[in-house]
Protein backbone atom coordinates (compact mmCIF):
# COMPACT_ATOMS: atom_id res chain seq x y z
CA MET A 1 -31.07 -30.42 16.65
CA ILE A 2 -29.17 -32.37 14.42
CA ALA A 3 -26.72 -29.46 13.68
CA MET A 4 -26.70 -28.71 17.33
CA LEU A 5 -25.71 -32.40 18.00
CA LEU A 6 -22.86 -32.12 15.76
CA ILE A 7 -21.33 -28.37 17.80
CA LEU A 8 -21.70 -30.69 21.06
CA LEU A 9 -20.03 -33.80 19.57
CA ALA A 10 -16.91 -31.85 17.68
CA SER A 11 -13.85 -31.83 20.02
CA PHE A 12 -14.32 -28.51 21.41
CA PRO A 13 -11.60 -26.22 21.80
CA VAL A 14 -10.68 -25.78 18.18
CA ARG A 15 -6.88 -24.24 18.24
CA ILE A 16 -6.63 -22.07 15.33
CA ALA A 17 -2.88 -20.65 13.95
CA VAL A 18 -3.83 -18.07 12.29
CA LEU A 19 -1.17 -16.90 8.94
CA GLY A 20 -0.38 -13.11 8.32
CA ASP A 21 1.09 -11.65 5.25
CA ARG A 22 4.48 -12.28 3.67
CA THR A 23 4.18 -9.79 0.93
CA GLY A 24 5.10 -6.32 1.06
CA ARG A 25 8.96 -6.76 1.28
CA PRO A 26 8.70 -10.56 1.92
CA ASP A 27 10.96 -12.20 4.95
CA ASP A 28 11.44 -15.93 3.69
CA ALA A 29 13.62 -16.00 6.41
CA GLU A 30 10.53 -15.04 8.89
CA PHE A 31 7.90 -16.65 6.79
CA GLU A 32 9.67 -19.71 7.76
CA ILE A 33 10.12 -19.82 11.33
CA ALA A 34 6.39 -18.87 11.67
CA VAL A 35 5.72 -21.80 9.46
CA ASN A 36 7.69 -23.87 11.62
CA ALA A 37 6.45 -22.64 14.88
CA ILE A 38 2.59 -23.38 13.96
CA ILE A 39 4.05 -27.01 12.67
CA GLU A 40 5.90 -26.96 16.51
CA MET A 41 2.38 -25.70 18.03
CA SER A 42 0.68 -27.73 16.16
CA PRO A 43 -3.00 -26.50 16.14
CA ASP A 44 -6.38 -27.92 14.58
CA ILE A 45 -6.84 -26.14 11.38
CA VAL A 46 -4.39 -23.19 9.95
CA LEU A 47 -6.70 -20.16 8.89
CA SER A 48 -5.01 -17.92 6.78
CA VAL A 49 -5.54 -14.14 5.28
CA GLY A 50 -3.84 -13.69 1.79
CA ASP A 51 -0.87 -12.41 0.26
CA PHE A 52 1.17 -15.36 -0.31
CA VAL A 53 2.66 -13.72 -3.84
CA GLU A 54 4.78 -10.81 -4.81
CA GLY A 55 3.20 -10.33 -8.40
CA ASP A 56 3.28 -6.70 -7.81
CA GLY A 57 1.10 -6.53 -11.10
CA ASP A 58 3.36 -9.13 -13.03
CA VAL A 59 2.31 -12.62 -14.07
CA GLU A 60 5.06 -13.81 -14.67
CA THR A 61 7.32 -12.65 -11.57
CA ALA A 62 3.65 -13.82 -9.70
CA LEU A 63 3.66 -17.06 -11.00
CA GLU A 64 7.62 -17.70 -10.22
CA ASP A 65 6.99 -15.99 -6.93
CA TRP A 66 3.86 -19.00 -6.54
CA GLU A 67 6.44 -22.06 -7.50
CA ASN A 68 8.91 -21.07 -4.59
CA ILE A 69 5.95 -20.31 -1.54
CA LEU A 70 4.07 -23.18 -2.65
CA PRO A 71 6.20 -25.89 -0.89
CA VAL A 72 6.46 -24.08 2.61
CA LEU A 73 2.80 -23.58 2.16
CA GLN A 74 2.25 -27.23 1.72
CA ARG A 75 4.73 -27.70 4.72
CA LEU A 76 0.95 -26.37 6.62
CA ALA A 77 -1.14 -27.57 4.00
CA ASN A 78 -0.57 -30.97 3.85
CA THR A 79 -0.20 -31.58 7.92
CA PHE A 80 -3.08 -30.06 8.99
CA PRO A 81 -6.72 -28.65 7.59
CA PHE A 82 -5.71 -25.63 5.72
CA VAL A 83 -8.14 -22.57 4.56
CA TYR A 84 -6.30 -20.33 1.50
CA THR A 85 -7.76 -16.74 1.50
CA PRO A 86 -6.84 -14.28 -1.27
CA GLY A 87 -5.34 -11.44 -1.06
CA ASN A 88 -4.90 -8.41 -3.59
CA ASN A 89 -1.24 -9.45 -4.06
CA ASP A 90 -2.13 -12.72 -4.82
CA ILE A 91 -5.23 -11.99 -7.78
CA TRP A 92 -6.20 -8.87 -9.41
CA ASN A 93 -7.45 -10.04 -12.30
CA GLU A 94 -9.11 -12.73 -13.99
CA GLU A 95 -5.99 -13.98 -15.39
CA THR A 96 -4.53 -14.50 -11.90
CA ALA A 97 -6.95 -15.60 -10.30
CA GLU A 98 -7.14 -18.58 -12.60
CA TYR A 99 -4.16 -19.76 -11.45
CA TRP A 100 -4.83 -19.16 -7.89
CA ARG A 101 -6.91 -22.30 -8.28
CA GLN A 102 -4.32 -23.50 -9.60
CA TYR A 103 -2.07 -23.47 -7.29
CA THR A 104 -4.17 -24.06 -3.75
CA GLY A 105 -7.01 -25.83 -5.54
CA THR A 106 -9.96 -23.52 -4.01
CA GLU A 107 -12.33 -21.27 -5.10
CA PRO A 108 -11.68 -17.64 -3.80
CA SER A 109 -14.99 -17.17 -2.33
CA ARG A 110 -15.99 -20.09 -0.84
CA ILE A 111 -17.62 -22.12 2.56
CA GLU A 112 -15.12 -24.99 4.65
CA GLU A 113 -16.85 -26.84 7.53
CA ILE A 114 -14.03 -28.23 9.23
CA LEU A 115 -14.14 -29.83 12.75
CA GLY A 116 -17.75 -28.21 13.70
CA ILE A 117 -16.49 -24.31 12.43
CA THR A 118 -18.22 -22.99 9.44
CA PHE A 119 -15.52 -20.71 7.81
CA VAL A 120 -16.79 -18.06 4.72
CA VAL A 121 -14.50 -17.10 2.96
CA TRP A 122 -14.83 -13.92 1.26
CA ASP A 123 -12.39 -12.64 -1.82
CA SER A 124 -11.83 -8.96 -1.12
CA SER A 125 -8.90 -9.64 -3.46
CA MET A 126 -10.21 -7.35 -6.17
CA GLU A 127 -12.83 -4.77 -4.31
CA TYR A 128 -10.86 -1.35 -3.39
CA GLU A 129 -13.36 -0.52 -1.35
CA LEU A 130 -16.73 -1.69 1.01
CA THR A 131 -19.93 -1.26 -0.96
CA ALA A 132 -23.53 -2.18 -1.32
CA ALA A 133 -22.35 -4.20 -3.95
CA SER A 134 -19.78 -6.22 -2.21
CA LEU A 135 -22.49 -6.73 1.14
CA GLU A 136 -25.01 -8.79 -1.60
CA THR A 137 -22.28 -10.56 -2.55
CA VAL A 138 -21.29 -11.26 1.07
CA LYS A 139 -24.97 -11.92 1.98
CA ASP A 140 -25.04 -14.31 0.00
CA LEU A 141 -22.34 -16.20 1.06
CA ILE A 142 -23.79 -16.27 4.28
CA ASP A 143 -26.96 -17.13 3.21
CA GLY A 144 -25.07 -21.15 2.41
CA ILE A 145 -24.57 -21.83 5.86
CA ASP A 146 -26.08 -22.38 8.49
CA THR A 147 -25.80 -19.90 11.67
CA ASP A 148 -26.98 -21.47 14.24
CA SER A 149 -23.41 -23.72 13.68
CA PRO A 150 -20.09 -21.36 14.76
CA TRP A 151 -18.52 -19.64 12.10
CA ILE A 152 -15.83 -17.60 11.26
CA PHE A 153 -15.95 -15.06 8.10
CA VAL A 154 -12.62 -14.19 6.40
CA THR A 155 -11.04 -11.95 4.03
CA HIS A 156 -8.59 -10.41 3.40
CA LYS A 157 -9.15 -6.60 3.61
CA PRO A 158 -10.50 -5.68 6.85
CA PHE A 159 -12.92 -2.95 6.15
CA TRP A 160 -14.05 -2.80 9.63
CA PHE A 161 -10.77 -0.97 11.04
CA MET A 162 -10.11 1.47 8.02
CA ALA A 163 -10.55 4.74 8.68
CA TRP A 164 -11.35 5.68 4.29
CA GLN A 165 -13.84 3.35 4.31
CA ASP A 166 -17.20 5.07 4.00
CA SER A 167 -18.90 4.50 7.44
CA THR A 168 -22.75 4.24 6.27
CA VAL A 169 -21.48 0.95 4.27
CA VAL A 170 -19.27 -0.24 7.23
CA SER A 171 -21.61 -0.04 9.90
CA ASP A 172 -24.39 -1.60 7.17
CA PHE A 173 -21.57 -4.47 7.20
CA LYS A 174 -21.42 -4.93 10.97
CA ASN A 175 -25.22 -5.06 10.96
CA ILE A 176 -24.80 -8.68 8.98
CA MET A 177 -22.09 -9.26 10.95
CA GLU A 178 -24.46 -8.92 13.76
CA GLU A 179 -27.81 -10.27 12.55
CA THR A 180 -25.37 -13.87 11.23
CA GLY A 181 -23.45 -13.70 14.92
CA PRO A 182 -19.45 -15.38 13.82
CA LEU A 183 -17.98 -15.84 16.09
CA ALA A 184 -15.02 -13.49 14.61
CA VAL A 185 -14.42 -11.68 11.30
CA ILE A 186 -10.69 -11.48 10.76
CA GLY A 187 -8.83 -9.82 7.97
CA GLY A 188 -4.85 -9.30 7.18
CA HIS A 189 -2.86 -6.42 4.60
CA ILE A 190 -2.95 -3.70 6.75
CA HIS A 191 0.59 -5.23 8.13
CA LEU A 192 -0.73 -4.48 11.98
CA PHE A 193 -2.18 -6.48 14.72
CA ALA A 194 -5.56 -5.00 16.01
CA ALA A 195 -8.06 -6.44 17.67
CA GLN A 196 -12.05 -5.27 19.16
CA ARG A 197 -14.76 -7.36 20.36
CA GLU A 198 -18.07 -5.29 19.41
CA ASN A 199 -21.49 -6.65 20.20
CA GLY A 200 -20.43 -9.92 20.81
CA ILE A 201 -18.03 -10.46 17.56
CA LEU A 202 -14.20 -9.79 17.95
CA TYR A 203 -13.07 -8.39 14.52
CA VAL A 204 -8.88 -9.02 14.18
CA SER A 205 -6.46 -7.20 11.32
CA ALA A 206 -3.91 -9.98 11.58
CA GLY A 207 -0.44 -8.23 11.48
CA PRO A 208 1.83 -10.26 9.07
CA SER A 209 4.07 -13.61 8.76
CA GLY A 210 6.64 -12.84 6.63
CA SER A 211 6.96 -8.82 5.40
CA ALA A 212 10.02 -7.19 6.81
CA VAL A 213 9.52 -4.82 9.64
CA PRO A 214 12.41 -3.14 10.21
CA GLU A 215 11.37 -1.42 13.74
CA PRO A 216 9.32 -3.80 15.60
CA ASP A 217 6.65 -1.94 18.00
CA PRO A 218 4.03 -4.34 19.39
CA GLU A 219 2.78 -1.13 21.01
CA THR A 220 1.16 -0.04 17.71
CA GLY A 221 0.54 -3.85 15.99
CA ASN A 222 3.20 -3.59 14.04
CA PHE A 223 5.28 -6.31 14.16
CA THR A 224 6.15 -10.05 12.70
CA GLN A 225 4.04 -12.57 14.27
CA LEU A 226 1.62 -15.29 13.96
CA GLY A 227 -2.23 -15.63 15.49
CA TRP A 228 -3.63 -18.13 17.78
CA MET A 229 -6.90 -18.74 18.25
CA THR A 230 -8.73 -20.93 20.72
CA VAL A 231 -12.71 -21.60 19.22
CA TRP A 232 -15.82 -23.16 21.28
CA PRO A 233 -18.98 -23.19 20.54
CA ASP A 234 -20.39 -19.90 21.16
CA SER A 235 -16.69 -17.54 21.71
CA VAL A 236 -13.58 -17.30 20.99
CA ALA A 237 -10.52 -16.09 22.33
CA PHE A 238 -7.60 -14.74 20.71
CA ALA A 239 -3.10 -14.02 20.96
CA VAL A 240 -1.06 -12.94 19.48
CA VAL A 241 3.02 -15.17 19.16
CA ASP A 242 6.32 -13.96 18.22
CA ALA A 243 9.81 -14.22 19.19
CA ARG A 244 9.98 -12.19 21.99
CA GLY A 245 6.24 -13.81 23.51
CA VAL A 246 2.73 -13.63 23.71
CA TYR A 247 0.39 -10.93 23.84
CA PRO A 248 -3.73 -10.49 24.34
CA GLU A 249 -6.11 -9.59 21.83
CA THR A 250 -6.29 -6.18 23.60
CA ILE A 251 -2.54 -4.91 22.76
CA ASN A 252 -4.12 -2.93 20.29
CA THR A 253 -7.26 -1.79 19.45
CA GLY A 254 -9.06 -1.03 16.31
CA GLU A 255 -9.90 2.37 17.80
CA GLU A 256 -6.30 3.40 18.02
CA MET A 257 -5.12 1.62 14.85
CA ASN A 258 -7.41 4.16 13.03
CA LEU A 259 -6.20 6.92 14.64
CA SER A 260 -2.51 6.13 14.60
CA TYR A 261 -3.64 6.20 10.60
CA LEU A 262 -5.44 9.06 10.65
CA TYR A 263 -2.53 11.25 12.71
CA GLU A 264 -0.07 10.18 10.44
CA LYS A 265 -2.61 10.45 7.22
CA GLN A 266 -4.03 14.06 7.95
CA LEU A 267 -2.73 15.43 11.08
CA ILE A 268 0.25 17.38 8.79
CA ARG A 269 -0.97 19.85 5.92
CA ALA A 270 1.98 21.67 4.51
CA ARG A 271 2.09 23.67 1.26
CA PRO A 272 4.81 22.10 -1.46
CA LEU A 273 8.02 23.48 -0.11
CA GLU A 274 9.11 26.34 -3.15
CA GLN A 275 12.63 26.80 -3.31
CA GLU A 276 11.81 30.54 -4.99
CA LEU A 277 10.18 31.44 -1.33
CA GLU A 278 11.46 32.15 1.98
CA SER A 279 8.97 30.78 4.42
CA ALA A 280 7.43 27.37 4.79
CA ILE A 281 3.59 27.10 5.72
CA MET A 282 2.33 23.82 7.82
CA THR A 283 -1.06 23.47 9.59
CA LEU A 284 -1.66 20.86 12.76
CA ILE A 285 -5.87 19.36 12.12
CA PRO A 286 -6.87 18.24 15.73
CA LEU A 287 -8.31 14.89 15.16
CA GLU A 288 -8.97 14.22 18.87
CA ASN A 289 -11.79 16.42 20.75
CA ARG A 290 -9.50 16.50 23.83
CA PRO A 291 -5.73 18.76 24.72
CA ARG A 292 -2.63 16.86 22.93
CA THR A 293 0.49 18.13 22.87
CA VAL A 294 2.36 18.05 19.32
CA THR A 295 6.52 17.84 19.57
CA LEU A 296 8.10 18.87 16.26
CA ASN A 297 11.30 17.70 15.28
CA ILE A 298 12.93 18.83 11.72
CA ASN A 299 15.93 17.57 10.01
CA PRO A 300 16.04 20.56 7.64
CA GLY A 301 18.22 18.86 4.62
CA THR A 302 19.44 21.18 2.47
CA TRP A 303 16.38 24.15 2.98
CA ASN A 304 17.84 25.88 6.29
CA PHE A 305 14.78 25.65 8.48
CA ASN A 306 14.35 27.63 11.06
CA PRO A 307 13.52 26.98 13.86
CA GLU A 308 14.22 23.23 14.03
CA MET A 309 12.48 22.36 16.68
CA LEU A 310 8.94 22.94 18.11
CA GLU A 311 6.21 21.82 20.84
CA VAL A 312 2.79 22.71 20.24
CA GLU A 313 -0.92 22.29 21.62
CA ILE A 314 -3.79 21.33 19.39
CA ASP A 315 -7.20 21.81 20.87
CA SER A 316 -10.37 21.78 18.55
CA GLN A 317 -8.91 24.26 16.21
CA PRO A 318 -6.34 23.73 12.96
CA VAL A 319 -3.31 25.80 14.18
CA ASP A 320 -0.70 27.66 11.44
CA LEU A 321 3.35 27.43 11.93
CA VAL A 322 5.23 29.32 9.81
CA PHE A 323 9.23 28.65 9.33
CA THR A 324 11.96 30.33 7.18
CA GLN A 325 14.34 28.84 5.44
CA SER A 326 16.80 29.73 2.68
CA PRO A 327 17.01 26.66 0.73
CA GLU A 328 20.23 26.10 -0.96
CA GLY A 329 20.76 23.99 -4.66
CA SER A 330 19.74 20.57 -4.95
CA PRO A 331 15.95 20.33 -3.31
CA TYR A 332 17.21 17.04 -1.68
CA PRO A 333 17.40 15.67 0.74
CA SER A 334 14.03 17.93 1.60
CA PRO A 335 13.17 18.40 5.13
CA VAL A 336 11.99 15.56 7.61
CA ILE A 337 9.83 16.66 10.38
CA THR A 338 9.71 13.51 13.31
CA VAL A 339 6.19 14.03 14.92
CA ASN A 340 5.67 13.01 18.62
CA LEU A 341 2.18 12.85 20.56
CA GLU A 342 0.41 11.00 22.39
CA TYR A 343 -3.57 9.73 21.51
CA GLY A 344 -6.23 7.69 22.13
CA SER A 345 -7.94 6.49 25.59
CA ARG A 346 -4.58 4.39 27.08
CA ASP A 347 -2.56 7.93 25.87
CA LYS A 348 -0.95 6.20 23.77
CA GLN A 349 3.03 7.47 22.53
CA LEU A 350 2.92 7.86 18.44
CA GLN A 351 6.40 8.49 16.46
CA PHE A 352 6.13 8.96 12.82
CA ASP A 353 8.25 10.95 9.79
CA TYR A 354 6.67 13.69 7.57
CA SER A 355 9.02 13.98 4.36
CA TRP A 356 7.93 17.61 3.65
CA GLN A 357 7.44 17.67 -0.37
CA VAL A 358 9.08 19.37 -2.38
CA LEU A 359 6.46 20.85 -5.01
CA ARG A 360 8.41 20.33 -8.71
CA THR A 361 7.46 21.86 -11.97
CA ALA A 362 9.01 22.06 -15.59
CA ASN A 363 7.71 23.44 -18.24
CA ALA A 364 6.59 21.74 -21.92
CA PHE A 365 6.37 24.69 -24.51
CA TYR A 366 4.43 24.30 -27.38
CA SER A 367 6.92 22.42 -30.47
CA GLU A 368 7.09 20.59 -33.73
CA THR A 369 8.14 17.58 -31.81
CA VAL A 370 9.03 14.31 -33.48
CA LEU A 371 8.84 10.88 -31.82
CA ASP A 372 12.10 9.34 -32.74
CA GLY A 373 14.27 8.71 -29.50
CA GLU A 374 16.70 11.93 -30.47
CA GLY A 375 15.28 14.89 -29.07
CA SER A 376 16.44 17.12 -31.84
CA GLU A 377 17.68 20.51 -31.71
CA GLY A 378 14.87 22.90 -30.97
CA GLU A 379 12.21 20.27 -29.73
CA TYR A 380 12.89 20.48 -25.99
CA ARG A 381 13.87 23.71 -24.16
CA ALA A 382 17.22 23.75 -21.96
CA PRO A 383 17.68 23.53 -19.12
CA PHE A 384 17.05 19.82 -18.81
CA HIS A 385 15.50 18.80 -15.10
CA THR A 386 18.05 17.26 -12.70
CA ASN A 387 18.45 16.22 -8.98
CA PHE A 388 16.46 13.53 -8.86
CA ALA A 389 16.23 11.89 -4.89
CA ASP A 390 16.96 7.99 -3.96
CA LEU A 391 13.99 6.22 -2.16
CA SER A 392 14.90 7.73 1.21
CA GLY A 393 15.17 11.03 0.03
CA GLN A 394 18.62 12.08 -0.53
CA PRO A 395 20.48 12.35 -3.80
CA THR A 396 19.89 9.42 -6.19
CA PRO A 397 23.23 7.20 -6.96
CA ILE A 398 22.08 6.64 -10.23
CA PRO A 399 24.11 7.37 -13.13
CA GLU A 400 22.87 11.02 -14.86
CA THR A 401 19.56 11.54 -15.86
CA GLN A 402 17.52 14.47 -17.26
CA PHE A 403 14.72 15.07 -18.98
CA ALA A 404 12.19 17.85 -20.62
CA ALA A 405 8.62 17.72 -22.12
CA ALA A 406 7.20 19.48 -25.01
CA ASN A 407 3.78 19.45 -25.88
CA ASP A 408 2.57 20.16 -29.75
CA GLY A 409 -0.58 20.59 -28.79
CA GLU A 410 -2.94 16.94 -28.89
CA ARG A 411 0.55 15.05 -26.77
CA LEU A 412 2.49 15.83 -24.08
CA PHE A 413 6.07 14.45 -24.65
CA ILE A 414 8.91 13.66 -22.57
CA PHE A 415 12.36 13.28 -23.17
CA VAL A 416 14.48 11.23 -20.74
CA GLU A 417 18.80 11.25 -21.61
CA MET A 418 20.34 8.84 -18.96
CA GLU A 419 24.19 7.88 -18.71
CA GLU A 420 24.94 4.22 -18.75
CA CYS A 421 25.52 2.01 -15.63
CA ALA A 422 28.49 0.57 -14.65
CA GLU A 423 27.52 -2.72 -14.47
CA GLU A 424 24.37 -4.85 -16.49
CA SER A 425 21.72 -4.57 -14.62
CA GLU A 426 17.77 -3.74 -15.30
CA ASP A 427 17.09 -0.08 -16.84
CA TYR A 428 14.66 1.63 -17.12
CA GLY A 429 12.63 4.71 -17.23
CA GLY A 430 9.23 5.55 -15.16
CA PHE A 431 6.50 7.77 -16.18
CA ILE A 432 3.44 7.98 -14.04
CA PHE A 433 0.65 9.88 -14.75
CA ASN A 434 -2.82 11.21 -13.23
CA SER A 435 -5.80 10.21 -16.02
CA SER A 436 -8.56 12.77 -16.46
CA ASP A 437 -10.90 9.77 -15.45
CA GLY A 438 -9.47 9.01 -11.78
CA SER A 439 -7.03 6.77 -12.39
CA VAL A 440 -3.66 6.65 -12.85
CA LEU A 441 -1.37 5.30 -15.88
CA TRP A 442 1.79 3.72 -15.09
CA LEU A 443 4.37 3.25 -18.18
CA LYS A 444 7.96 1.44 -18.02
CA VAL A 445 10.00 2.13 -20.69
CA TYR A 446 13.37 -0.46 -20.80
CA HIS A 447 17.02 -0.18 -22.23
CA ASP A 448 15.88 -3.17 -24.93
CA GLY A 449 12.91 -0.78 -26.05
CA SER A 450 10.64 -3.20 -24.51
CA SER A 451 8.00 -1.06 -22.27
CA GLU A 452 5.12 -2.05 -19.27
CA ALA A 453 1.92 -0.48 -19.11
CA LEU A 454 -0.56 -0.94 -16.47
CA ILE A 455 -4.11 1.75 -15.87
CA PHE A 456 -5.03 1.69 -11.65
CA THR A 457 -8.12 2.04 -11.73
CA SER A 458 -10.47 4.75 -9.37
CA GLU A 459 -12.45 1.00 -8.40
CA GLY A 460 -8.59 -0.26 -8.20
CA GLU A 461 -8.80 -2.72 -10.48
CA MET A 462 -5.30 -3.06 -11.98
CA ILE A 463 -5.20 -3.05 -16.28
CA ASP A 464 -3.54 -3.08 -19.50
CA TRP A 465 -2.64 0.51 -21.13
CA GLU A 466 -2.89 0.01 -24.74
CA ASP A 467 -3.35 3.05 -26.40
CA GLY A 468 -2.81 6.96 -26.18
CA PHE A 469 0.92 6.23 -25.84
CA ASP A 470 3.65 5.65 -28.28
CA THR A 471 7.26 5.13 -27.18
CA ARG A 472 11.00 5.24 -28.44
CA VAL A 473 14.12 4.73 -27.17
CA MET A 474 18.54 5.18 -28.75
CA VAL A 475 21.16 3.47 -27.68
CA ALA A 476 24.38 5.74 -28.01
CA GLU A 477 28.53 5.12 -27.08
CA ASN A 478 27.91 6.12 -23.27
CA GLY A 479 24.18 6.51 -23.03
CA TRP A 480 20.65 5.82 -24.14
CA CYS A 481 17.13 7.99 -24.17
CA ILE A 482 13.55 7.70 -23.91
CA GLU A 483 10.95 9.22 -26.19
CA LEU A 484 7.92 9.20 -24.85
CA SER A 485 4.17 10.55 -26.14
CA VAL A 486 0.90 10.13 -24.27
CA GLU A 487 -2.19 12.00 -25.50
CA ILE A 488 -2.88 15.08 -23.54
CA ALA A 489 -6.86 14.26 -23.91
CA LEU A 490 -5.87 11.33 -21.55
CA LEU A 491 -4.43 13.69 -19.07
CA GLU A 492 -6.81 15.41 -16.14
CA GLN A 493 -5.55 18.88 -16.82
CA GLU A 494 -5.87 21.54 -14.11
CA ASP A 495 -4.86 25.69 -14.81
CA ASP A 496 -3.35 23.89 -18.06
CA TYR A 497 -0.84 21.37 -15.59
CA VAL A 498 -1.23 17.94 -16.03
CA SER A 499 0.15 15.27 -12.85
CA ALA A 500 3.26 13.25 -13.70
CA HIS A 501 5.89 11.50 -12.04
CA VAL A 502 9.25 10.91 -13.39
CA TYR A 503 12.17 8.60 -12.06
CA ARG A 504 14.66 5.78 -13.55
CA SER A 505 15.51 1.93 -11.93
CA THR A 506 18.83 0.60 -12.36
CA GLY A 507 19.68 -2.51 -10.28
CA GLU A 508 19.29 -1.79 -6.67
CA ASN A 509 19.40 1.93 -7.67
CA PHE A 510 16.20 4.12 -8.30
CA GLY A 511 15.59 7.94 -8.94
CA THR A 512 12.53 9.81 -8.71
CA TRP A 513 12.01 13.64 -9.77
CA VAL A 514 9.91 13.69 -7.33
CA TYR A 515 10.38 12.74 -3.89
CA PRO A 516 8.44 10.72 -2.51
CA ILE A 517 7.09 8.72 -4.65
CA ASP A 518 3.32 7.51 -4.84
CA PHE A 519 0.32 6.88 -7.26
CA ASP A 520 -1.92 10.07 -5.67
CA PRO A 521 -1.64 12.59 -7.41
CA SER A 522 -1.03 15.07 -4.94
CA SER A 523 2.56 14.25 -4.38
CA MET A 524 3.11 14.41 -8.14
CA GLY A 525 5.24 16.54 -10.03
CA LYS A 526 3.50 19.72 -12.24
CA ILE A 527 4.15 19.75 -16.22
CA TRP A 528 2.43 23.29 -17.66
CA LEU A 529 1.29 22.72 -21.29
CA GLN A 530 1.65 26.00 -23.08
CA ARG A 531 -0.79 26.66 -25.43
C-alpha cells in the first residue's frame, strides 16, 4: 500500500532520454549533437545502454578514451539523473571493471530508484551468450526490487533480439520478464533500433548515438539517434529522434531486424573461389515460408564472372547457381554481389553486399627452421605469398609485403618480409589463428620488436596469450622482417591444414592476405603442414 501511494504521488509521466552506443567507429561530433539535443529537450532522466569508450582490448587506449569522453557524459550526469550501463567495450575483464567503477562511480550491475521508477541494470558486458547461469543472475537482481512498482530492465546486449542465441534460453528469459512485469526491457550493442511488444512488455534495441553511420536508413533502424521514452505507472511509450524527425517505435520490429540479419548471414552459401577452377558455385537458402525474388548484381573484380546479373525465385527449397569464371592475375579485388529482395510481413526492401571469399592457401613445408628473424636460405620455400587486400577488398597500397611458412613437426613458422614505410607511422604485422579449444589467437608484432597477444575464448572473454609462441624482429636498411613460431598443438587442424590470417597495418594503410578479415575460422586462409 505504501509503495502504491508513493507511485501515485510521483510526478508521472516521467520522460527518459535513451543514449545509445558511441563505439564502433566513434563519431564524436554526432555524440555531441545527441548530448546537446538531450540537454535542450530537458528529460527527467537519462538512460544509457553502454559502450562509451573504444578500448579494442587495449586498457591504455580505453583509459585515454575515458578521459576524453567523461567530460561530455558529465554534462548530462551533472544536469539530470543519469543511469550508467556498461558495454563490452567498457568492460572486458576485471581490470576494466575496476576502471568502470572509478570513472562512473557505480557498480556494473545494480538497482537504482529514480522518480518512482526502479532501474534494474544487469552487466552483460562479458556475456557472450544468454545462458541458464545468466538467467539465475538476472533473477537474483530482480528479487531485490518491488515488482509491483514500475520498473525497467536495462542491459547492454539485447539477447531477446539476437537471432543466433539459444531460442530456449531466450524464451526462458522472456518468461522471467512476464512473471515479474517490467514496463520495458532495453539494450543497445547491435547499433540498430528495433522495438517489439510482447505480452505487455516493450522490448527495445536502442540504436547508436555516437557511432558513424555512413548511409543512414531509418526503415531498418540504422541511423544515429536518441530514444525518448515516456513512462506512466502502468505503461510506456517510445519514440526515436534524429535530425530528420521523430519516428515511432514501430519503424522497425525485432522480427524484421532478425530477418534482415539472417538474410545477410544465411541467404548465400558460396564455395570459396579458387583461381585454378573455371566455375564458381553459390546456393541461395530460403528463410521465409513464402516466395521471394532475389536480384543479384555482380561486380566481378578480376574474376570475369558470367552472368553478372541474375533474378532468382526462391520458395521452400535451396537454389544452386553456377557461374563461369576466368580469373586474371591478382585475386583482388574479388567479386562483390549486391543483393536486393523484400522481407518480412511488411515487404520491406533489403539491399546488402556480399563479398565472395577467395580461398588462399600456403604450404608450410617441413624444415629445420631457426627462429632468428633472418629467414635464412633453405628454411622457407619460394614463392613467397603476396597479393594483399585493403579493408575494402581492393589491392592494398601498403609497401611491398610477402610471407612464407614452414614447420618442424612441433611448431608452425611464418616469416614476413616488409618494405619500409615512406613516412614514420605505427607499423606492425598481425596474425590470427583458430585454436584447438575453439578460441581465437591474435598476435601483433611491432617494428620495434614489441608485441601484443590476446586470446578470444569461445565464451567471448578476452585474456592475455602468454605461452606457446615466440617472435623475432630484424630491421634492415630498406625493410624489416618478422619471424614467428607457434606451437602446432595449440592450433585446430583439419586434414593437416590450420586456419590463419596474416596482415599488416602501417598508419592508415592496411593489407590482409585473406579478405574479408575477421575472427571467423571459415573466412581464414589455410596453411598446410607437411608431416
